[in-house]
Protein backbone atom coordinates (compact mmCIF):
# COMPACT_ATOMS: atom_id res chain seq x y z
CA MET A 1 0.00 0.00 0.00
CA THR A 2 1.26 3.46 -0.92
CA PRO A 3 0.56 6.31 1.52
CA PRO A 4 -1.38 9.22 -0.04
CA ALA A 5 0.25 12.46 -1.12
CA HIS A 6 0.27 15.58 1.06
CA THR A 7 -3.29 16.64 1.89
CA PRO A 8 -4.97 19.76 3.34
CA TYR A 9 -5.39 17.78 6.58
CA ASP A 10 -1.60 17.55 6.86
CA SER A 11 -1.40 21.35 6.86
CA ILE A 12 -4.35 22.04 9.14
CA LEU A 13 -5.37 19.20 11.45
CA TYR A 14 -9.07 18.56 11.81
CA PRO A 15 -10.23 19.12 15.43
CA ASP A 16 -9.81 15.89 17.38
CA GLY A 17 -12.53 14.46 19.55
CA VAL A 18 -14.99 11.72 20.36
CA PHE A 19 -18.42 11.24 18.86
CA PRO A 20 -20.74 9.36 21.25
CA GLN A 21 -23.27 8.74 18.51
CA THR A 22 -20.74 6.54 16.67
CA HIS A 23 -20.01 4.26 19.62
CA PRO A 24 -20.47 0.56 18.75
CA ASP A 25 -22.57 0.15 21.91
CA ARG A 26 -25.21 2.50 20.50
CA LEU A 27 -25.07 0.75 17.13
CA HIS A 28 -25.52 -2.58 18.91
CA VAL A 29 -28.56 -1.36 20.86
CA LEU A 30 -30.31 0.08 17.82
CA ALA A 31 -29.67 -3.05 15.77
CA THR A 32 -31.02 -5.18 18.63
CA LEU A 33 -34.16 -3.05 18.97
CA LEU A 34 -34.77 -3.52 15.25
CA GLY A 35 -34.61 -7.29 15.40
CA LEU A 36 -30.97 -7.99 14.53
CA SER A 37 -28.23 -9.88 16.42
CA PRO A 38 -25.08 -7.71 16.36
CA ALA A 39 -21.75 -8.84 17.80
CA PRO A 40 -20.85 -8.17 21.47
CA VAL A 41 -19.03 -4.84 21.59
CA GLU A 42 -16.47 -6.01 24.16
CA HIS A 43 -14.88 -8.40 21.64
CA ALA A 44 -15.73 -6.61 18.39
CA ARG A 45 -13.69 -5.71 15.35
CA ILE A 46 -14.11 -1.97 14.74
CA LEU A 47 -13.09 0.01 11.63
CA ASP A 48 -12.95 3.82 11.54
CA LEU A 49 -12.76 5.28 8.01
CA GLY A 50 -11.37 8.81 8.14
CA CYS A 51 -10.09 8.43 11.68
CA GLY A 52 -8.01 11.62 11.71
CA THR A 53 -5.64 11.61 14.67
CA GLY A 54 -7.55 8.74 16.26
CA GLY A 55 -9.59 10.80 18.71
CA ASN A 56 -12.63 8.58 18.21
CA ILE A 57 -11.10 5.13 17.65
CA ILE A 58 -8.29 5.19 20.24
CA PRO A 59 -10.73 5.56 23.20
CA LEU A 60 -12.60 2.50 21.90
CA ALA A 61 -9.37 0.48 21.89
CA CYS A 62 -8.73 1.65 25.46
CA GLN A 63 -12.26 0.89 26.61
CA TYR A 64 -12.37 -2.58 25.05
CA PRO A 65 -8.93 -4.24 25.37
CA ASP A 66 -10.29 -7.46 23.85
CA SER A 67 -11.45 -5.70 20.70
CA LEU A 68 -9.49 -5.08 17.49
CA CYS A 69 -9.60 -1.53 16.20
CA VAL A 70 -8.37 -0.21 12.85
CA GLY A 71 -8.31 3.41 11.77
CA VAL A 72 -7.67 4.60 8.21
CA ASP A 73 -7.01 8.17 7.10
CA TYR A 74 -5.38 9.65 4.01
CA ALA A 75 -3.48 12.34 5.98
CA ALA A 76 -0.15 10.82 7.06
CA THR A 77 0.48 13.66 9.54
CA GLN A 78 -2.74 12.90 11.39
CA ILE A 79 -1.98 9.18 11.47
CA ALA A 80 1.49 9.89 12.89
CA ILE A 81 -0.02 11.94 15.71
CA GLY A 82 -2.49 9.19 16.46
CA GLN A 83 0.27 6.59 16.45
CA SER A 84 2.22 8.60 19.02
CA THR A 85 -0.83 8.43 21.32
CA VAL A 86 -1.15 4.68 20.73
CA ASP A 87 2.53 4.20 21.56
CA ALA A 88 2.32 6.37 24.68
CA LEU A 89 -0.62 4.34 25.97
CA GLY A 90 0.99 1.02 25.07
CA LEU A 91 -2.05 -0.19 23.12
CA THR A 92 -1.64 -3.43 21.19
CA ASN A 93 -5.19 -3.88 19.87
CA ILE A 94 -5.23 -1.02 17.37
CA ARG A 95 -3.69 -0.25 13.98
CA LEU A 96 -3.68 3.17 12.31
CA LEU A 97 -3.12 3.22 8.55
CA ALA A 98 -2.22 6.19 6.31
CA GLU A 99 -4.01 5.11 3.14
CA ASP A 100 -6.02 6.50 0.24
CA PHE A 101 -9.48 4.90 0.14
CA MET A 102 -9.26 4.55 -3.64
CA THR A 103 -6.18 2.32 -3.45
CA LEU A 104 -6.86 0.67 -0.09
CA ASP A 105 -6.38 -3.09 -0.16
CA ILE A 106 -9.78 -4.18 1.11
CA ASP A 107 -8.91 -7.87 1.27
CA SER A 108 -6.08 -7.21 3.71
CA LEU A 109 -8.41 -5.49 6.18
CA GLY A 110 -10.74 -8.42 6.81
CA GLN A 111 -14.26 -8.06 8.19
CA PHE A 112 -15.55 -5.83 10.94
CA ASP A 113 -18.56 -5.93 13.26
CA TYR A 114 -18.82 -2.15 13.39
CA ILE A 115 -17.70 0.39 10.80
CA ILE A 116 -17.62 4.16 11.37
CA ALA A 117 -17.40 6.78 8.59
CA HIS A 118 -17.98 10.12 10.28
CA GLY A 119 -17.44 13.39 8.43
CA ILE A 120 -16.28 11.76 5.18
CA TYR A 121 -19.12 11.05 2.77
CA SER A 122 -20.10 14.64 1.96
CA TRP A 123 -16.56 16.01 1.92
CA VAL A 124 -15.02 13.83 -0.79
CA PRO A 125 -15.65 13.50 -4.55
CA PRO A 126 -18.54 11.20 -5.59
CA ALA A 127 -16.15 8.44 -6.64
CA VAL A 128 -14.56 8.40 -3.18
CA ALA A 129 -17.97 8.44 -1.48
CA ALA A 130 -18.94 5.42 -3.58
CA ARG A 131 -15.68 3.78 -2.54
CA VAL A 132 -16.55 4.35 1.14
CA LEU A 133 -19.77 2.38 0.63
CA ALA A 134 -17.90 -0.31 -1.32
CA ILE A 135 -15.38 -0.70 1.51
CA THR A 136 -18.23 -0.82 4.00
CA LYS A 137 -20.03 -3.53 2.05
CA ALA A 138 -16.89 -5.63 1.56
CA CYS A 139 -15.64 -5.31 5.14
CA LEU A 140 -18.92 -5.49 7.08
CA SER A 141 -19.47 -8.83 8.82
CA PRO A 142 -22.79 -10.63 8.12
CA ASP A 143 -24.36 -9.22 11.31
CA GLY A 144 -22.36 -5.99 11.21
CA VAL A 145 -23.59 -2.41 11.58
CA ALA A 146 -22.07 0.65 9.90
CA TYR A 147 -22.43 4.34 10.72
CA VAL A 148 -22.20 6.98 7.96
CA SER A 149 -22.76 10.72 8.43
CA TYR A 150 -23.50 13.13 5.59
CA ASN A 151 -25.09 16.46 4.68
CA VAL A 152 -28.69 16.28 3.51
CA LEU A 153 -31.16 18.44 1.67
CA PRO A 154 -33.34 20.40 2.05
CA GLY A 155 -31.75 21.73 5.23
CA TRP A 156 -28.25 22.02 3.82
CA THR A 157 -29.51 24.53 1.23
CA VAL A 158 -29.23 27.20 3.92
CA HIS A 159 -25.54 26.39 4.46
CA TYR A 160 -24.78 26.88 0.78
CA MET A 161 -25.60 30.58 1.06
CA GLY A 162 -22.79 31.62 3.39
CA ARG A 163 -20.46 28.90 2.15
CA ASP A 164 -20.69 30.04 -1.47
CA LEU A 165 -20.06 33.65 -0.41
CA MET A 166 -16.94 32.70 1.57
CA ARG A 167 -15.57 30.44 -1.15
CA TYR A 168 -16.12 33.12 -3.80
CA ARG A 169 -14.42 35.81 -1.73
CA THR A 170 -11.38 33.59 -0.99
CA ARG A 171 -10.95 32.20 -4.52
CA GLY A 172 -7.34 32.43 -5.57
CA ILE A 173 -6.07 32.70 -1.97
CA SER A 174 -3.84 29.73 -1.19
CA ASP A 175 -2.69 30.47 2.34
CA PRO A 176 -5.09 28.62 4.70
CA ASP A 177 -4.86 31.10 7.56
CA GLU A 178 -5.53 34.01 5.23
CA ARG A 179 -8.49 32.20 3.66
CA ILE A 180 -10.02 31.60 7.08
CA ARG A 181 -9.53 35.22 8.19
CA ILE A 182 -11.02 36.74 5.05
CA ALA A 183 -13.88 34.24 4.95
CA ARG A 184 -14.91 35.16 8.49
CA GLU A 185 -14.70 38.87 7.69
CA VAL A 186 -16.85 38.76 4.56
CA LEU A 187 -19.51 36.55 6.14
CA ALA A 188 -19.77 38.84 9.18
CA LEU A 189 -19.92 41.93 6.95
CA PHE A 190 -22.71 40.67 4.73
CA ALA A 191 -24.63 39.14 7.64
CA GLU A 192 -24.63 42.42 9.53
CA HIS A 193 -25.10 44.88 6.69
CA GLY A 194 -27.18 43.01 4.10
CA ILE A 195 -29.45 45.44 2.23
CA LEU A 196 -33.19 44.84 1.89
CA ASP A 197 -34.35 46.79 -1.16
CA GLU A 198 -37.83 48.26 -1.22
CA THR A 199 -39.50 45.91 -3.66
CA ASP A 200 -42.48 43.58 -3.93
CA GLY A 201 -43.34 41.35 -0.99
CA HIS A 202 -42.13 38.05 -2.38
CA GLU A 203 -38.67 39.33 -3.24
CA PHE A 204 -38.41 41.19 0.06
CA ASP A 205 -39.34 38.09 2.05
CA SER A 206 -36.81 36.02 0.11
CA ALA A 207 -34.00 38.52 0.79
CA ARG A 208 -34.94 38.74 4.46
CA ALA A 209 -34.80 34.94 4.79
CA TYR A 210 -31.43 34.96 3.01
CA PHE A 211 -29.87 37.48 5.39
CA MET A 212 -31.32 35.72 8.41
CA ALA A 213 -29.59 32.57 7.19
CA LEU A 214 -26.29 34.43 6.76
CA ALA A 215 -26.57 35.89 10.26
CA GLY A 216 -27.28 32.48 11.75
CA GLN A 217 -24.34 30.89 9.95
CA SER A 218 -22.01 33.71 10.97
CA GLU A 219 -23.05 33.37 14.61
CA TYR A 220 -22.61 29.58 14.46
CA LEU A 221 -19.15 29.72 12.85
CA ALA A 222 -17.97 32.31 15.37
CA THR A 223 -18.03 29.52 17.97
CA LYS A 224 -16.07 27.07 15.81
CA ALA A 225 -12.32 26.59 15.59
CA ASP A 226 -10.49 27.77 12.48
CA ALA A 227 -9.61 24.19 11.52
CA PHE A 228 -13.28 23.22 11.62
CA MET A 229 -14.21 26.17 9.42
CA PHE A 230 -11.41 25.51 6.94
CA HIS A 231 -12.28 21.87 6.31
CA ASP A 232 -16.07 21.95 6.70
CA GLU A 233 -16.85 25.29 5.05
CA LEU A 234 -14.06 26.28 2.67
CA GLU A 235 -13.19 22.92 1.16
CA THR A 236 -15.34 21.06 -1.36
CA SER A 237 -18.43 19.53 0.18
CA GLY A 238 -21.90 18.67 -0.96
CA ALA A 239 -25.28 17.41 0.10
CA LEU A 240 -27.94 15.06 -1.21
CA TYR A 241 -31.44 13.97 -0.37
CA PHE A 242 -31.88 11.03 1.95
CA SER A 243 -33.64 9.14 -0.83
CA GLN A 244 -30.54 9.59 -3.01
CA PHE A 245 -28.29 8.30 -0.25
CA VAL A 246 -30.51 5.23 0.12
CA GLU A 247 -30.28 4.61 -3.62
CA GLN A 248 -26.49 4.75 -3.40
CA ALA A 249 -26.48 2.45 -0.37
CA HIS A 250 -28.75 -0.02 -2.17
CA ALA A 251 -26.47 0.03 -5.22
CA ALA A 252 -23.61 -0.94 -2.89
CA GLY A 253 -25.63 -3.80 -1.38
CA LEU A 254 -26.45 -2.01 1.89
CA GLU A 255 -29.73 -1.19 3.63
CA PHE A 256 -30.73 1.73 5.85
CA LEU A 257 -31.42 0.64 9.44
CA SER A 258 -32.13 3.85 11.38
CA GLU A 259 -30.63 7.12 12.46
CA ALA A 260 -28.02 6.94 15.22
CA TYR A 261 -30.48 8.96 17.32
CA LEU A 262 -33.58 6.75 17.30
CA PRO A 263 -36.21 9.47 17.91
CA HIS A 264 -35.26 11.06 14.58
CA SER A 265 -36.39 7.91 12.75
CA LEU A 266 -39.78 7.60 14.42
CA SER A 267 -42.78 9.34 12.86
CA SER A 268 -44.58 8.65 16.16
CA ASN A 269 -42.74 11.67 17.57
CA LEU A 270 -44.50 13.98 15.10
CA PRO A 271 -47.72 15.81 16.05
CA ALA A 272 -50.74 13.54 15.74
CA SER A 273 -52.26 15.61 12.91
CA VAL A 274 -49.02 15.36 10.92
CA GLN A 275 -48.87 11.60 11.52
CA ARG A 276 -52.39 11.18 10.17
CA GLY A 277 -51.70 13.30 7.12
CA LEU A 278 -48.40 11.58 6.38
CA ALA A 279 -49.98 8.15 6.66
CA THR A 280 -52.40 8.97 3.82
CA PHE A 281 -49.64 9.06 1.21
CA SER A 282 -46.61 7.31 2.74
CA THR A 283 -46.53 3.82 4.22
CA ASP A 284 -42.97 2.89 3.24
CA PRO A 285 -40.57 3.61 6.17
CA LEU A 286 -37.79 4.92 3.92
CA GLU A 287 -40.16 7.22 2.06
CA THR A 288 -41.44 8.45 5.41
CA GLU A 289 -37.84 9.19 6.45
CA GLN A 290 -37.51 11.45 3.42
CA TYR A 291 -40.75 13.28 4.18
CA MET A 292 -39.57 13.83 7.77
CA ASP A 293 -36.47 15.55 6.38
CA PHE A 294 -38.77 17.99 4.59
CA LEU A 295 -40.78 18.47 7.78
CA ARG A 296 -37.71 19.15 9.92
CA GLY A 297 -35.55 20.94 7.35
CA ARG A 298 -32.86 18.44 8.27
CA ALA A 299 -29.33 19.35 7.18
CA PHE A 300 -27.28 16.46 8.57
CA ARG A 301 -27.86 12.74 8.97
CA GLN A 302 -26.09 10.03 10.93
CA SER A 303 -27.39 6.83 9.41
CA LEU A 304 -26.83 3.20 10.28
CA LEU A 305 -26.43 0.68 7.46
CA VAL A 306 -26.57 -3.12 7.36
CA HIS A 307 -26.48 -5.69 4.58
CA ARG A 308 -29.48 -5.65 2.21
CA ASP A 309 -30.62 -9.10 3.34
CA ALA A 310 -30.53 -8.28 7.08
CA PRO A 311 -33.84 -9.38 8.73
CA ILE A 312 -34.88 -5.93 9.98
CA ASP A 313 -38.06 -5.77 12.06
CA ARG A 314 -39.09 -2.14 12.61
CA ALA A 315 -41.87 -2.99 15.08
CA LEU A 316 -40.22 -2.03 18.37
CA SER A 317 -40.82 -4.49 21.20
CA PRO A 318 -39.96 -4.23 24.92
CA GLN A 319 -39.03 -7.93 24.84
CA ARG A 320 -35.84 -7.03 22.96
CA LEU A 321 -34.57 -5.12 26.01
CA THR A 322 -34.10 -8.29 28.05
CA GLY A 323 -30.34 -8.62 27.49
CA LEU A 324 -29.58 -4.89 27.57
CA ARG A 325 -28.63 -2.48 30.36
CA PHE A 326 -30.11 0.76 31.64
CA ALA A 327 -28.57 3.97 32.93
CA ALA A 328 -30.19 7.31 33.65
CA ASP A 329 -28.79 10.68 34.67
CA MET A 330 -32.08 11.57 36.35
CA GLN A 331 -32.54 13.05 39.80
CA ARG A 332 -35.61 13.02 42.01
CA ARG A 333 -36.78 16.58 42.49
CA PRO A 334 -37.41 17.47 46.13
CA ASP A 335 -41.03 17.89 47.13
CA ASP A 336 -42.43 21.36 46.58
CA ALA A 337 -45.66 23.12 47.42
CA ASN A 338 -47.28 22.04 44.15
CA ALA A 339 -46.33 18.35 44.39
CA GLN A 340 -49.15 15.84 44.67
CA PRO A 341 -48.93 13.43 47.61
CA GLY A 342 -47.31 10.14 46.61
CA VAL A 343 -46.06 11.47 43.24
CA ALA A 344 -42.33 11.44 42.54
CA ARG A 345 -40.90 13.91 40.02
CA PHE A 346 -37.64 13.14 38.15
CA VAL A 347 -35.64 15.60 36.05
CA SER A 348 -32.71 14.96 33.70
CA SER A 349 -29.59 17.06 33.27
CA HIS A 350 -31.28 18.39 30.10
CA ASN A 351 -34.29 19.51 32.16
CA GLU A 352 -36.57 16.84 30.77
CA GLY A 353 -38.70 15.11 33.33
CA PHE A 354 -41.63 12.95 34.27
CA SER A 355 -43.79 12.19 37.28
CA THR A 356 -44.87 8.82 38.63
CA ALA A 357 -47.07 7.62 41.45
CA ASP A 358 -45.86 4.03 41.05
CA PRO A 359 -43.44 3.08 43.88
CA PHE A 360 -41.64 0.52 41.70
CA THR A 361 -40.97 3.00 38.87
CA ALA A 362 -39.78 5.61 41.38
CA ALA A 363 -37.46 3.03 42.98
CA CYS A 364 -36.04 2.13 39.56
CA PHE A 365 -35.06 5.70 38.80
CA ASP A 366 -33.73 6.31 42.30
CA LEU A 367 -31.43 3.32 41.81
CA LEU A 368 -30.36 4.42 38.34
CA ALA A 369 -29.59 7.93 39.62
CA GLU A 370 -27.48 6.56 42.48
CA ALA A 371 -25.55 4.20 40.19
CA TYR A 372 -25.02 6.55 37.24
CA PRO A 373 -22.92 6.24 35.06
CA ALA A 374 -23.02 2.49 35.80
CA ALA A 375 -25.89 0.52 34.28
CA TYR A 376 -28.28 -2.17 35.53
CA THR A 377 -29.53 -5.19 33.63
CA LEU A 378 -33.31 -5.57 33.64
CA PRO A 379 -33.27 -8.50 36.14
CA GLU A 380 -30.85 -6.65 38.45
CA LEU A 381 -32.93 -3.48 38.37
CA THR A 382 -36.22 -5.31 38.84
CA HIS A 383 -34.94 -7.22 41.88
CA ALA A 384 -33.36 -4.19 43.58
CA ALA A 385 -36.31 -1.87 42.87
CA ARG A 386 -38.86 -4.36 44.18
CA GLU A 387 -36.93 -4.72 47.43
CA ARG A 388 -36.83 -0.95 47.83
CA ALA A 389 -40.43 -0.27 46.77
CA TRP A 390 -41.99 -3.11 48.76
CA PRO A 391 -39.62 -4.25 51.52
CA PHE A 392 -42.39 -6.30 53.15
CA GLY A 393 -43.65 -8.02 50.03
CA SER A 394 -44.84 -7.01 46.57
CA PRO A 395 -48.46 -6.82 45.44
CA ARG A 396 -47.34 -7.58 41.86
CA SER A 397 -45.28 -10.23 40.12
CA ALA A 398 -41.66 -9.67 39.13
CA ALA A 399 -42.55 -10.39 35.51
CA HIS A 400 -45.21 -7.67 35.61
CA ASP A 401 -42.78 -5.12 37.03
CA ALA A 402 -40.00 -6.02 34.58
CA GLY A 403 -42.38 -5.75 31.65
CA MET A 404 -43.76 -2.43 32.85
CA PHE A 405 -40.30 -0.90 33.23
CA ALA A 406 -39.14 -2.26 29.86
CA GLY A 407 -42.16 -0.72 28.14
CA ASN A 408 -41.64 2.64 29.83
CA ALA A 409 -37.90 2.56 29.09
CA LEU A 410 -38.51 1.87 25.40
CA THR A 411 -41.03 4.70 25.21
CA ALA A 412 -38.61 7.12 26.88
CA TYR A 413 -35.68 6.01 24.69
CA SER A 414 -37.84 6.48 21.59
CA ARG A 415 -38.52 10.07 22.56
CA SER A 416 -35.32 11.35 24.13
CA LYS A 417 -31.98 9.80 25.05
CA SER A 418 -31.49 12.28 27.90
CA MET A 419 -34.18 10.51 29.93
CA ILE A 420 -32.75 7.00 29.78
CA ASP A 421 -29.69 5.41 28.21
CA ILE A 422 -29.95 1.82 26.97
CA ARG A 423 -26.63 0.02 26.60
CA ALA A 424 -25.34 -3.34 25.46
CA SER A 425 -22.30 -3.33 27.74
CA GLN A 426 -21.39 -2.06 31.18
CA VAL A 427 -19.50 1.22 31.26
CA PRO A 428 -16.00 0.23 32.49
CA CYS A 429 -15.86 2.71 35.34
CA VAL A 430 -16.46 2.86 39.09
CA ARG A 431 -18.92 5.06 40.96
CA GLN A 432 -17.67 4.37 44.49
CA LEU A 433 -14.29 5.83 45.44
CA SER A 434 -11.56 3.34 46.22
CA GLU A 435 -8.75 3.77 48.73
CA ARG A 436 -6.36 4.66 45.90
CA PRO A 437 -8.45 6.08 43.04
CA ILE A 438 -7.47 5.36 39.45
CA ALA A 439 -8.40 7.45 36.44
CA SER A 440 -8.31 5.86 33.01
CA ALA A 441 -4.88 5.87 31.37
CA LEU A 442 -6.32 7.79 28.43
CA ALA A 443 -7.77 10.53 30.65
CA ARG A 444 -4.46 10.89 32.52
CA TYR A 445 -2.60 11.16 29.21
CA GLN A 446 -5.02 13.69 27.74
CA ALA A 447 -5.14 15.82 30.90
CA ALA A 448 -1.43 16.56 30.52
CA GLN A 449 -1.99 18.27 27.18
CA SER A 450 -5.64 19.28 26.80
CA THR A 451 -8.45 21.06 28.60
CA SER A 452 -10.82 18.16 27.97
CA VAL A 453 -10.54 14.39 28.33
CA THR A 454 -12.50 11.38 27.11
CA SER A 455 -14.74 9.60 29.58
CA GLN A 456 -15.51 5.89 29.70
CA ARG A 457 -18.92 6.82 28.28
CA HIS A 458 -17.13 8.07 25.16
CA GLU A 459 -17.92 11.69 25.93
CA SER A 460 -15.69 14.75 26.08
CA VAL A 461 -15.39 16.14 29.61
CA PRO A 462 -13.98 19.67 30.09
CA LEU A 463 -11.60 20.10 33.03
CA ASP A 464 -10.32 23.17 34.80
CA ALA A 465 -6.62 23.52 35.62
CA THR A 466 -6.99 22.01 39.10
CA ALA A 467 -8.89 18.96 37.91
CA ARG A 468 -6.29 18.41 35.19
CA VAL A 469 -3.55 18.24 37.81
CA LEU A 470 -5.57 15.95 40.07
CA ILE A 471 -6.51 13.47 37.37
CA GLN A 472 -2.87 13.00 36.37
CA LEU A 473 -2.15 11.92 39.96
CA LEU A 474 -4.81 9.19 39.91
CA ASP A 475 -2.64 6.24 38.89
CA GLY A 476 -3.59 4.01 41.83
CA THR A 477 -0.49 4.74 43.92
CA ARG A 478 -1.90 7.53 46.10
CA ASP A 479 -4.50 7.47 48.84
CA ILE A 480 -6.39 10.57 49.96
CA GLU A 481 -3.57 11.65 52.30
CA ALA A 482 -1.04 11.47 49.47
CA LEU A 483 -3.36 13.35 47.15
CA VAL A 484 -3.82 16.08 49.76
CA GLU A 485 -0.06 16.55 49.99
CA ALA A 486 0.39 16.52 46.22
CA MET A 487 -2.43 19.05 45.69
CA ARG A 488 -1.43 21.54 48.39
CA GLY A 489 -0.06 23.99 45.87
CA GLN A 490 -3.05 23.71 43.54
CA LEU A 491 -6.01 24.61 45.77
CA VAL A 492 -6.50 28.12 47.16
CA ILE A 493 -6.79 28.25 50.95
CA PRO A 494 -7.44 31.57 52.77
CA ALA A 495 -4.41 33.01 54.54
CA HIS A 496 -3.95 32.37 58.27
CA THR A 497 -6.09 29.22 58.13
CA PRO A 498 -5.01 26.78 60.88
CA GLU A 499 -3.10 23.76 59.60
CA ALA A 500 -5.70 21.28 60.85
CA GLN A 501 -8.37 23.20 58.99
CA VAL A 502 -6.20 23.44 55.87
CA HIS A 503 -5.88 19.67 55.79
CA ALA A 504 -9.61 19.20 56.35
CA THR A 505 -10.46 21.70 53.61
CA LEU A 506 -8.09 20.07 51.13
CA GLU A 507 -9.46 16.64 51.95
CA HIS A 508 -13.03 17.86 51.50
CA ASP A 509 -12.30 19.61 48.18
CA ILE A 510 -10.41 16.64 46.77
CA GLY A 511 -13.17 14.28 47.83
CA ARG A 512 -15.72 16.48 46.11
CA MET A 513 -13.64 16.60 42.92
CA LEU A 514 -13.16 12.84 42.95
CA ASN A 515 -16.91 12.33 43.18
CA VAL A 516 -17.43 14.62 40.19
CA LEU A 517 -14.81 12.67 38.21
CA ALA A 518 -16.49 9.41 39.18
CA LYS A 519 -19.91 10.58 38.03
CA SER A 520 -18.29 11.76 34.79
CA ALA A 521 -17.12 8.16 34.15
CA LEU A 522 -13.43 9.01 34.44
CA LEU A 523 -12.47 6.65 37.28
CA VAL A 524 -11.78 2.97 36.59
CA GLY A 525 -10.59 1.86 40.02
């Protein structure tokens, strides 16, 4: 295999990071809910096409030491950076390859249970996009699941407005930094000072919508790093309708399974009147997906693909949750003046909530809140919740309670992932503090050079300077006393504070920080 020539990604690295929606665990859950039998994620073969510096695939190799991970990217500089991370962590279950997709030796790769192609399909020429699907088809195991993200119409039409302006203004400018600077300037200028001529209503409304779109895009890009803007806005990219993507997937021998975020694939989440109207002219699930893009003005999709002959069953059933696990970052809201007697109110970190008068359901969510980010199996949760709800004997059968919770969990998961998280594997982390706490090796490594680290839930966790120092000390060799001594110079203590109180304050603050790290799924021991 011959490494590709110098690429724009060698000059300006694409922002590194993790993408929770690509995690094989989520792909496994969605495939299971839709009637398939995907491979266990703990022992899976995982392929990341367009892996960049490995920010998404390396954490998977760390999280699942019995897996085999392969990342491919055509920018040799990015692969070299990723390899330095792999070497520093001593990982032996991952390979990073600097290869051009068009000349990649597919046969040498073998087959994979999960394939990820994030941020590639819409940013390469059509021939390369077709090659991505061909690689996916050839390398996907019989029960495998692939993730592909891409820009979609009609929503992406809005992005063309500002993008075309910036690309036109920077035509002929080769220096990347200069292109970025000038592109930002012209977009901000036109967004702020666009002129609405006095003309007929239709033309005026069109111009107003245009300038509103420019203003929104300018505001959005102001929050994004220059590297993001350079690659996503100023380089060649395109969009297509979902129906066109499905045609291309079918031509490659692949079938659409669902979106990586299940609620986006369910017409049941639309208003009842819209559901009724849609049902009068669309009964095919893929056609309905296309109509929902028109309804939502969707600009970006994250689709899961399987082989064309996969036995997909789109009728969701609570029975398929039996072998899965449940986690929920929900907290019981304290009673207030408006609370009804016997009704428990739970609220998520995204301020979504529900109320229940059922003691068993309340006990389930109390247990999930206490254990988060760890997850319960359905039998474990049913047993523990029944003991808490009815310590002197239950008026209902265990099968009834398990079925009730499974049905409610599926309903919640179908509407919003912030209310309940369904997983195929346990998050490899600990919630209770040990005598000598241990942070993941990846988090310790990242904390030395970045303001954010990757959790065991495959999420990016921002850290302040003090937390970055603390997490690097959590290698399992220090107890609380040793951590207090090591952190003395990092925590601010008021002057003239007695030594005994200084020690107590440091111990309290470190304990509090450790609990935050534990809930963020950063501690493994």
